Amino acid sequence: MIKKPSNPFLLTGYISPTYFCDRAEETQRLTSALRNGRNVTLVSPRRMGKTGLIHHAFHMLRRNNEHASCYYVDLYQTDCFASLVRQLANAVLGTLDTRGTKVMKTVAAFFKSLRPTLTLDPMTGEPSFSVDMQPQMAEHSLAEIFQYMEQSGRQCYIAFDEFQSIVGYGEQNIEAVLRSYVQRLTSVHFVFSGSQRHVLEEMFASAARPFFQSTQMMPLKEIDEAAYFAFAEAKFKSHGQRLAAETFHEAYTMVRGHTWYVQMVLNRLYESNDKLITTTVVQDTIHSIVQEGEATYQTFLRLVTPFQGRLLRAIACEGTAREILGKKFIEKYRLGAASTVRSAIKSLVDKELIIDLDNNAYEVYDRFFGIWLSTLQ
């Protein structure tokens, strides 16, 4: 039985569709692509809701097909090919069989290059595995994992989150190695998810790269405001609180519709137990959140040069800064030479302090940090 959370506006994890806001179109597109054998590249800034969408899509795939097996593998903290394979092995091993003895026999038959350790849950009797692997055997182990999945008789779905991390691995030709296996699989389908748009676009849209045009590209935008309001209003109403559309609009626009930041504001408003949530209550709540983060924001500024800090504040004041290399913007904020601004932009994007949007526009990545910056003199 699923435990009901004390606050329906989740900031981490996935529980069930009850606590997942909208994304009906995106869920349909993602699940349809996977069911029909198309791998997907899912791209959006961090905290826009990629991970939640993946888990929701996997929930729907399993609900509609009891033989579907889904695996979420976070590559954010991986630093080499062997660590990727180890993460995948820990997720997959033992999940495609039902009995511990059968599992051990199957694993022993398939995984010659891994040293799996089997443990049984004392309450449920369910098996779980951890693996030991020699780095030089990583590719061989990957082949064994995929063979295990292919021969399971199930449809398997793997989400590699923060997939752009593989670009930083020290080994050569990792993309080519992965692509060579992915293109041969018929029962295993993939979501390649990440937050660094330019890196992923280069990986999947450049003719010089192994994954060129091998996936369906799927950018993830903000949740539609009307759909988000309907979701939020229902949750507040069941809690004896009233949230008007214009009040929600204030919260949504102040954080530019960025999913996690909207959720944080709604989470705090729900916690407040205020019967009538007014615009003033929303503004005070956001102000309180921003104040809590002030020490962190000051640290952010210490990580950049004084000029980069000035540019950050200029972008924050604009909300969405367009034509940032144009004469009007540079003169308005007294930023000097366009070449200096261009160099600072690159550094701030690399540090993930600003988002590089389409059409040469930029925003401060952390929405609460942006609000704090805009109040500085």
Protein backbone atom coordinates (compact mmCIF):
# COMPACT_ATOMS: atom_id res chain seq x y z
CA MET A 1 0.00 0.00 0.00
CA ILE A 2 1.31 3.43 -0.99
CA LYS A 3 1.88 5.71 1.99
CA LYS A 4 0.19 9.08 1.71
CA PRO A 5 2.71 11.94 2.04
CA SER A 6 2.09 14.64 4.63
CA ASN A 7 2.53 17.26 1.90
CA PRO A 8 1.31 16.53 -1.66
CA PHE A 9 3.77 18.94 -3.29
CA LEU A 10 6.74 16.61 -3.55
CA LEU A 11 10.25 18.02 -3.87
CA THR A 12 12.02 14.69 -4.40
CA GLY A 13 11.05 11.24 -5.57
CA TYR A 14 7.98 9.83 -7.25
CA ILE A 15 5.07 8.17 -5.45
CA SER A 16 2.15 7.75 -7.86
CA PRO A 17 0.14 9.62 -10.51
CA THR A 18 -1.90 11.22 -7.70
CA TYR A 19 1.07 13.43 -6.81
CA PHE A 20 2.32 14.01 -10.34
CA CYS A 21 1.20 17.19 -12.07
CA ASP A 22 -0.07 16.99 -15.66
CA ARG A 23 2.64 16.22 -18.27
CA ALA A 24 -0.06 14.16 -20.04
CA GLU A 25 1.19 15.04 -23.52
CA GLU A 26 4.85 14.47 -22.61
CA THR A 27 4.03 11.17 -20.90
CA GLN A 28 2.12 9.96 -23.96
CA ARG A 29 4.92 10.96 -26.32
CA LEU A 30 7.59 9.30 -24.20
CA THR A 31 5.74 6.05 -23.53
CA SER A 32 4.55 5.77 -27.13
CA ALA A 33 8.07 6.22 -28.48
CA LEU A 34 9.46 3.56 -26.13
CA ARG A 35 6.67 1.06 -26.79
CA ASN A 36 7.23 1.47 -30.52
CA GLY A 37 10.96 0.87 -30.31
CA ARG A 38 12.23 4.46 -30.53
CA ASN A 39 14.90 5.59 -28.11
CA VAL A 40 14.44 9.11 -26.73
CA THR A 41 16.76 11.96 -25.78
CA LEU A 42 15.04 14.00 -23.05
CA VAL A 43 16.54 17.45 -22.52
CA SER A 44 15.74 20.24 -20.09
CA PRO A 45 17.39 22.41 -17.44
CA ARG A 46 17.86 20.79 -14.04
CA ARG A 47 14.84 20.79 -11.75
CA MET A 48 12.38 21.06 -14.63
CA GLY A 49 10.99 17.61 -13.86
CA LYS A 50 12.85 15.16 -16.12
CA THR A 51 13.37 12.55 -13.41
CA GLY A 52 9.75 12.73 -12.28
CA LEU A 53 8.55 12.37 -15.87
CA ILE A 54 10.78 9.33 -16.41
CA HIS A 55 9.46 7.61 -13.27
CA HIS A 56 5.87 8.50 -14.21
CA ALA A 57 6.35 7.14 -17.73
CA PHE A 58 7.85 3.96 -16.30
CA HIS A 59 4.88 3.65 -13.93
CA MET A 60 2.51 3.87 -16.90
CA LEU A 61 4.52 1.37 -18.94
CA ARG A 62 4.42 -1.15 -16.09
CA ARG A 63 0.72 -0.51 -15.46
CA ASN A 64 -0.11 -1.28 -19.08
CA ASN A 65 2.29 -4.22 -19.40
CA GLU A 66 3.04 -6.40 -16.39
CA HIS A 67 6.03 -7.83 -18.24
CA ALA A 68 7.73 -4.45 -18.67
CA SER A 69 10.92 -3.95 -16.66
CA CYS A 70 12.13 -0.39 -16.11
CA TYR A 71 15.48 0.83 -14.81
CA TYR A 72 16.54 4.33 -13.82
CA VAL A 73 20.33 4.83 -13.76
CA ASP A 74 21.71 8.19 -12.59
CA LEU A 75 25.09 8.92 -14.17
CA TYR A 76 25.65 12.26 -12.43
CA GLN A 77 28.31 10.96 -10.04
CA THR A 78 29.88 8.42 -12.40
CA ASP A 79 33.41 9.23 -13.54
CA CYS A 80 34.35 6.37 -15.86
CA PHE A 81 32.87 3.70 -18.09
CA ALA A 82 33.27 1.02 -15.40
CA SER A 83 31.20 3.07 -12.93
CA LEU A 84 28.40 3.34 -15.53
CA VAL A 85 28.41 -0.43 -16.05
CA ARG A 86 28.48 -1.03 -12.29
CA GLN A 87 25.47 1.25 -11.77
CA LEU A 88 23.57 -0.54 -14.51
CA ALA A 89 24.51 -3.97 -13.16
CA ASN A 90 23.33 -3.09 -9.65
CA ALA A 91 20.00 -1.92 -11.10
CA VAL A 92 19.39 -4.91 -13.35
CA LEU A 93 20.86 -8.02 -11.74
CA GLY A 94 18.29 -10.41 -10.31
CA THR A 95 15.26 -8.37 -11.40
CA LEU A 96 14.29 -10.53 -14.36
CA ASP A 97 13.81 -13.75 -12.36
CA THR A 98 11.45 -14.67 -9.57
CA ARG A 99 13.10 -17.15 -7.21
CA GLY A 100 16.37 -16.66 -5.37
CA THR A 101 17.79 -20.04 -6.37
CA LYS A 102 16.81 -19.51 -9.99
CA VAL A 103 18.21 -16.01 -9.88
CA MET A 104 21.58 -17.18 -8.64
CA LYS A 105 21.72 -19.86 -11.32
CA THR A 106 20.80 -17.39 -14.06
CA VAL A 107 23.22 -14.75 -12.84
CA ALA A 108 26.04 -17.27 -12.59
CA ALA A 109 25.33 -18.43 -16.14
CA PHE A 110 25.25 -14.95 -17.67
CA PHE A 111 27.73 -12.90 -15.71
CA LYS A 112 31.14 -14.48 -16.05
CA SER A 113 32.93 -11.14 -15.64
CA LEU A 114 31.03 -9.98 -12.53
CA ARG A 115 31.22 -11.20 -8.96
CA PRO A 116 27.63 -10.81 -7.77
CA THR A 117 26.70 -11.07 -4.10
CA LEU A 118 23.15 -12.20 -3.35
CA THR A 119 21.25 -11.16 -0.23
CA LEU A 120 17.64 -11.94 0.66
CA ASP A 121 15.26 -9.51 2.33
CA PRO A 122 14.35 -11.18 5.67
CA MET A 123 10.77 -9.87 5.49
CA THR A 124 9.86 -10.50 1.84
CA GLY A 125 12.43 -13.04 0.73
CA GLU A 126 13.14 -10.91 -2.32
CA PRO A 127 16.72 -11.15 -3.64
CA SER A 128 18.99 -8.15 -4.18
CA PHE A 129 22.43 -7.99 -5.71
CA SER A 130 25.59 -5.98 -5.45
CA VAL A 131 28.45 -6.53 -7.87
CA ASP A 132 32.20 -6.35 -8.02
CA MET A 133 33.83 -5.80 -11.39
CA GLN A 134 37.31 -5.26 -12.74
CA PRO A 135 37.45 -1.98 -14.74
CA GLN A 136 39.20 -3.69 -17.65
CA MET A 137 36.18 -6.02 -17.96
CA ALA A 138 33.63 -3.20 -18.22
CA GLU A 139 32.74 -3.67 -21.89
CA HIS A 140 32.48 -7.44 -21.51
CA SER A 141 30.24 -6.95 -18.48
CA LEU A 142 28.03 -4.54 -20.43
CA ALA A 143 27.59 -7.13 -23.16
CA GLU A 144 26.58 -9.71 -20.54
CA ILE A 145 24.02 -7.36 -18.97
CA PHE A 146 22.39 -6.61 -22.32
CA GLN A 147 22.37 -10.30 -23.25
CA TYR A 148 20.68 -11.07 -19.91
CA MET A 149 18.00 -8.48 -20.67
CA GLU A 150 17.51 -9.53 -24.29
CA GLN A 151 16.99 -13.18 -23.36
CA SER A 152 14.62 -12.45 -20.47
CA GLY A 153 11.52 -12.45 -22.67
CA ARG A 154 10.56 -9.02 -21.31
CA GLN A 155 10.43 -5.53 -22.74
CA CYS A 156 13.11 -3.59 -20.87
CA TYR A 157 13.46 0.17 -20.58
CA ILE A 158 16.58 1.94 -19.31
CA ALA A 159 16.82 5.64 -18.46
CA PHE A 160 20.35 7.00 -18.29
CA ASP A 161 19.93 10.33 -16.48
CA GLU A 162 22.56 13.08 -16.87
CA PHE A 163 23.83 11.15 -19.88
CA GLN A 164 26.15 14.00 -20.87
CA SER A 165 28.39 12.84 -17.99
CA ILE A 166 29.95 10.23 -20.29
CA VAL A 167 31.69 13.03 -22.21
CA GLY A 168 33.89 13.56 -19.15
CA TYR A 169 35.04 9.95 -18.90
CA GLY A 170 38.74 9.44 -19.44
CA GLU A 171 38.35 6.49 -21.81
CA GLN A 172 38.23 6.92 -25.58
CA ASN A 173 35.29 5.97 -27.83
CA ILE A 174 32.75 5.42 -25.03
CA GLU A 175 29.96 6.81 -27.21
CA ALA A 176 30.90 4.43 -30.02
CA VAL A 177 30.99 1.45 -27.66
CA LEU A 178 27.55 2.22 -26.22
CA ARG A 179 26.08 2.93 -29.64
CA SER A 180 27.35 -0.38 -31.02
CA TYR A 181 25.35 -2.26 -28.37
CA VAL A 182 22.26 -0.03 -28.34
CA GLN A 183 21.67 -0.37 -32.09
CA ARG A 184 21.61 -4.19 -31.89
CA LEU A 185 19.10 -4.51 -29.05
CA THR A 186 15.49 -5.37 -29.90
CA SER A 187 13.95 -5.78 -26.43
CA VAL A 188 15.81 -3.01 -24.60
CA HIS A 189 14.93 0.64 -25.22
CA PHE A 190 16.51 3.78 -23.83
CA VAL A 191 15.88 7.26 -22.51
CA PHE A 192 19.02 9.40 -22.63
CA SER A 193 18.23 12.28 -20.30
CA GLY A 194 20.30 15.33 -19.46
CA SER A 195 20.45 18.98 -18.56
CA GLN A 196 23.30 20.31 -20.70
CA ARG A 197 21.46 21.05 -23.92
CA HIS A 198 24.42 22.00 -26.09
CA VAL A 199 26.39 18.88 -25.10
CA LEU A 200 23.46 16.56 -25.80
CA GLU A 201 22.58 18.28 -29.07
CA GLU A 202 26.17 17.84 -30.19
CA MET A 203 26.09 14.15 -29.19
CA PHE A 204 22.84 13.34 -30.98
CA ALA A 205 22.68 15.87 -33.83
CA SER A 206 26.27 15.99 -35.08
CA ALA A 207 27.04 13.73 -38.06
CA ALA A 208 30.52 13.19 -36.63
CA ARG A 209 29.23 11.52 -33.44
CA PRO A 210 28.19 7.84 -33.00
CA PHE A 211 24.67 8.61 -31.70
CA PHE A 212 23.85 10.88 -34.68
CA GLN A 213 20.08 10.88 -35.36
CA SER A 214 19.63 7.65 -33.40
CA THR A 215 16.93 8.95 -31.03
CA GLN A 216 13.77 11.00 -30.90
CA MET A 217 14.67 14.39 -29.44
CA MET A 218 12.29 15.59 -26.73
CA PRO A 219 12.83 18.95 -25.04
CA LEU A 220 10.97 19.41 -21.75
CA LYS A 221 9.47 22.82 -21.02
CA GLU A 222 7.56 24.30 -18.08
CA ILE A 223 4.26 22.72 -17.05
CA ASP A 224 1.35 24.67 -18.52
CA GLU A 225 0.18 27.26 -15.98
CA ALA A 226 -3.53 26.42 -16.25
CA ALA A 227 -2.88 22.70 -15.76
CA TYR A 228 -0.56 23.40 -12.84
CA PHE A 229 -3.15 25.64 -11.20
CA ALA A 230 -5.86 22.97 -11.53
CA PHE A 231 -3.56 20.44 -9.85
CA ALA A 232 -2.57 22.83 -7.06
CA GLU A 233 -6.08 24.16 -6.44
CA ALA A 234 -7.44 20.64 -5.91
CA LYS A 235 -4.72 19.79 -3.39
CA PHE A 236 -5.27 22.99 -1.41
CA LYS A 237 -9.06 22.58 -1.48
CA SER A 238 -8.82 19.09 0.02
CA HIS A 239 -6.68 20.65 2.77
CA GLY A 240 -9.22 23.36 3.56
CA GLN A 241 -7.22 26.10 1.83
CA ARG A 242 -8.26 28.41 -0.96
CA LEU A 243 -5.92 29.33 -3.81
CA ALA A 244 -7.16 31.74 -6.48
CA ALA A 245 -5.91 31.67 -10.07
CA GLU A 246 -4.39 35.15 -9.83
CA THR A 247 -2.55 34.18 -6.66
CA PHE A 248 -1.12 31.07 -8.29
CA HIS A 249 -0.13 33.21 -11.27
CA GLU A 250 1.98 35.35 -8.93
CA ALA A 251 3.85 32.29 -7.61
CA TYR A 252 4.24 30.75 -11.06
CA THR A 253 5.59 33.87 -12.73
CA MET A 254 7.94 34.87 -9.91
CA VAL A 255 9.88 31.62 -10.43
CA ARG A 256 9.23 31.60 -14.20
CA GLY A 257 7.24 28.36 -14.09
CA HIS A 258 10.34 26.30 -13.26
CA THR A 259 8.87 23.10 -11.81
CA TRP A 260 10.94 22.48 -8.67
CA TYR A 261 10.74 26.12 -7.59
CA VAL A 262 6.96 26.20 -8.10
CA GLN A 263 6.74 23.01 -6.05
CA MET A 264 8.84 24.54 -3.27
CA VAL A 265 6.55 27.57 -3.02
CA LEU A 266 3.42 25.39 -3.06
CA ASN A 267 4.94 23.05 -0.47
CA ARG A 268 5.52 25.98 1.90
CA LEU A 269 2.06 27.45 1.28
CA TYR A 270 0.45 24.08 2.02
CA GLU A 271 2.49 23.81 5.22
CA SER A 272 1.34 27.27 6.35
CA ASN A 273 -2.30 26.14 6.79
CA ASP A 274 -3.45 29.64 5.78
CA LYS A 275 -7.11 29.28 4.84
CA LEU A 276 -6.94 32.01 2.22
CA ILE A 277 -3.71 32.21 0.28
CA THR A 278 -3.26 35.76 -0.95
CA THR A 279 -0.70 37.37 -3.22
CA THR A 280 0.92 38.89 -0.15
CA VAL A 281 1.25 35.45 1.45
CA VAL A 282 2.92 34.17 -1.74
CA GLN A 283 5.36 37.08 -1.84
CA ASP A 284 6.20 36.70 1.85
CA THR A 285 6.75 32.95 1.40
CA ILE A 286 9.13 33.47 -1.50
CA HIS A 287 10.93 36.22 0.41
CA SER A 288 11.40 33.81 3.33
CA ILE A 289 12.81 31.10 1.05
CA VAL A 290 15.21 33.58 -0.55
CA GLN A 291 16.38 34.81 2.86
CA GLU A 292 17.14 31.22 3.91
CA GLY A 293 19.41 30.83 0.90
CA GLU A 294 21.31 34.10 1.32
CA ALA A 295 24.52 32.51 2.65
CA THR A 296 24.56 30.11 -0.31
CA TYR A 297 23.97 32.92 -2.79
CA GLN A 298 26.85 34.91 -1.33
CA THR A 299 29.03 31.84 -1.83
CA PHE A 300 27.90 31.68 -5.48
CA LEU A 301 29.11 35.25 -5.96
CA ARG A 302 32.48 34.43 -4.43
CA LEU A 303 32.92 31.74 -7.10
CA VAL A 304 32.83 34.27 -9.94
CA THR A 305 34.82 37.37 -10.86
CA PRO A 306 33.43 40.81 -9.97
CA PHE A 307 32.56 41.39 -13.64
CA GLN A 308 30.75 38.06 -13.89
CA GLY A 309 28.84 39.01 -10.74
CA ARG A 310 27.77 42.30 -12.37
CA LEU A 311 26.60 40.42 -15.44
CA LEU A 312 24.68 37.96 -13.27
CA ARG A 313 22.89 40.83 -11.55
CA ALA A 314 22.09 42.43 -14.91
CA ILE A 315 20.55 39.20 -16.19
CA ALA A 316 18.59 38.80 -12.94
CA CYS A 317 17.19 42.32 -13.24
CA GLU A 318 16.03 41.60 -16.78
CA GLY A 319 14.41 38.29 -15.85
CA THR A 320 15.04 37.03 -19.35
CA ALA A 321 18.01 38.87 -20.86
CA ARG A 322 17.87 39.10 -24.66
CA GLU A 323 20.41 40.48 -27.12
CA ILE A 324 22.91 40.40 -24.31
CA LEU A 325 25.76 41.34 -26.64
CA GLY A 326 23.80 44.23 -28.08
CA LYS A 327 24.70 47.87 -27.52
CA LYS A 328 21.48 48.64 -25.64
CA PHE A 329 21.97 45.94 -22.97
CA ILE A 330 25.68 46.62 -22.56
CA GLU A 331 25.19 50.37 -22.16
CA LYS A 332 22.22 49.96 -19.81
CA TYR A 333 24.33 47.96 -17.36
CA ARG A 334 27.69 49.58 -18.22
CA LEU A 335 29.34 46.29 -19.11
CA GLY A 336 32.06 47.53 -21.44
CA ALA A 337 33.30 45.51 -24.41
CA ALA A 338 31.09 42.87 -26.02
CA SER A 339 34.04 40.46 -26.12
CA THR A 340 34.34 40.65 -22.32
CA VAL A 341 30.61 40.00 -21.96
CA ARG A 342 30.85 37.02 -24.34
CA SER A 343 33.66 35.48 -22.30
CA ALA A 344 31.75 36.01 -19.04
CA ILE A 345 28.61 34.43 -20.51
CA LYS A 346 30.53 31.28 -21.41
CA SER A 347 31.97 31.02 -17.92
CA LEU A 348 28.58 31.51 -16.24
CA VAL A 349 26.95 28.92 -18.51
CA ASP A 350 29.77 26.44 -17.80
CA LYS A 351 29.27 27.01 -14.05
CA GLU A 352 25.52 26.48 -14.57
CA LEU A 353 24.73 29.82 -12.98
CA ILE A 354 22.78 30.96 -16.03
CA ILE A 355 20.61 29.07 -18.53
CA ASP A 356 21.31 29.50 -22.23
CA LEU A 357 17.84 29.59 -23.77
CA ASP A 358 16.92 29.50 -27.43
CA ASN A 359 17.26 32.68 -29.51
CA ASN A 360 20.29 33.98 -27.62
CA ALA A 361 18.46 34.65 -24.36
CA TYR A 362 19.68 33.98 -20.82
CA GLU A 363 18.20 33.58 -17.35
CA VAL A 364 19.66 32.95 -13.89
CA TYR A 365 19.51 29.18 -13.35
CA ASP A 366 18.47 29.14 -9.68
CA ARG A 367 15.19 31.08 -9.61
CA PHE A 368 15.48 32.07 -5.95
CA PHE A 369 19.08 33.19 -6.52
CA GLY A 370 17.82 35.33 -9.39
CA ILE A 371 15.25 36.99 -7.16
CA TRP A 372 17.93 37.67 -4.53
CA LEU A 373 20.29 39.13 -7.13
CA SER A 374 17.60 41.44 -8.48
CA THR A 375 17.21 43.03 -5.03
CA LEU A 376 20.91 43.92 -4.67
CA GLN A 377 21.91 47.53 -5.07
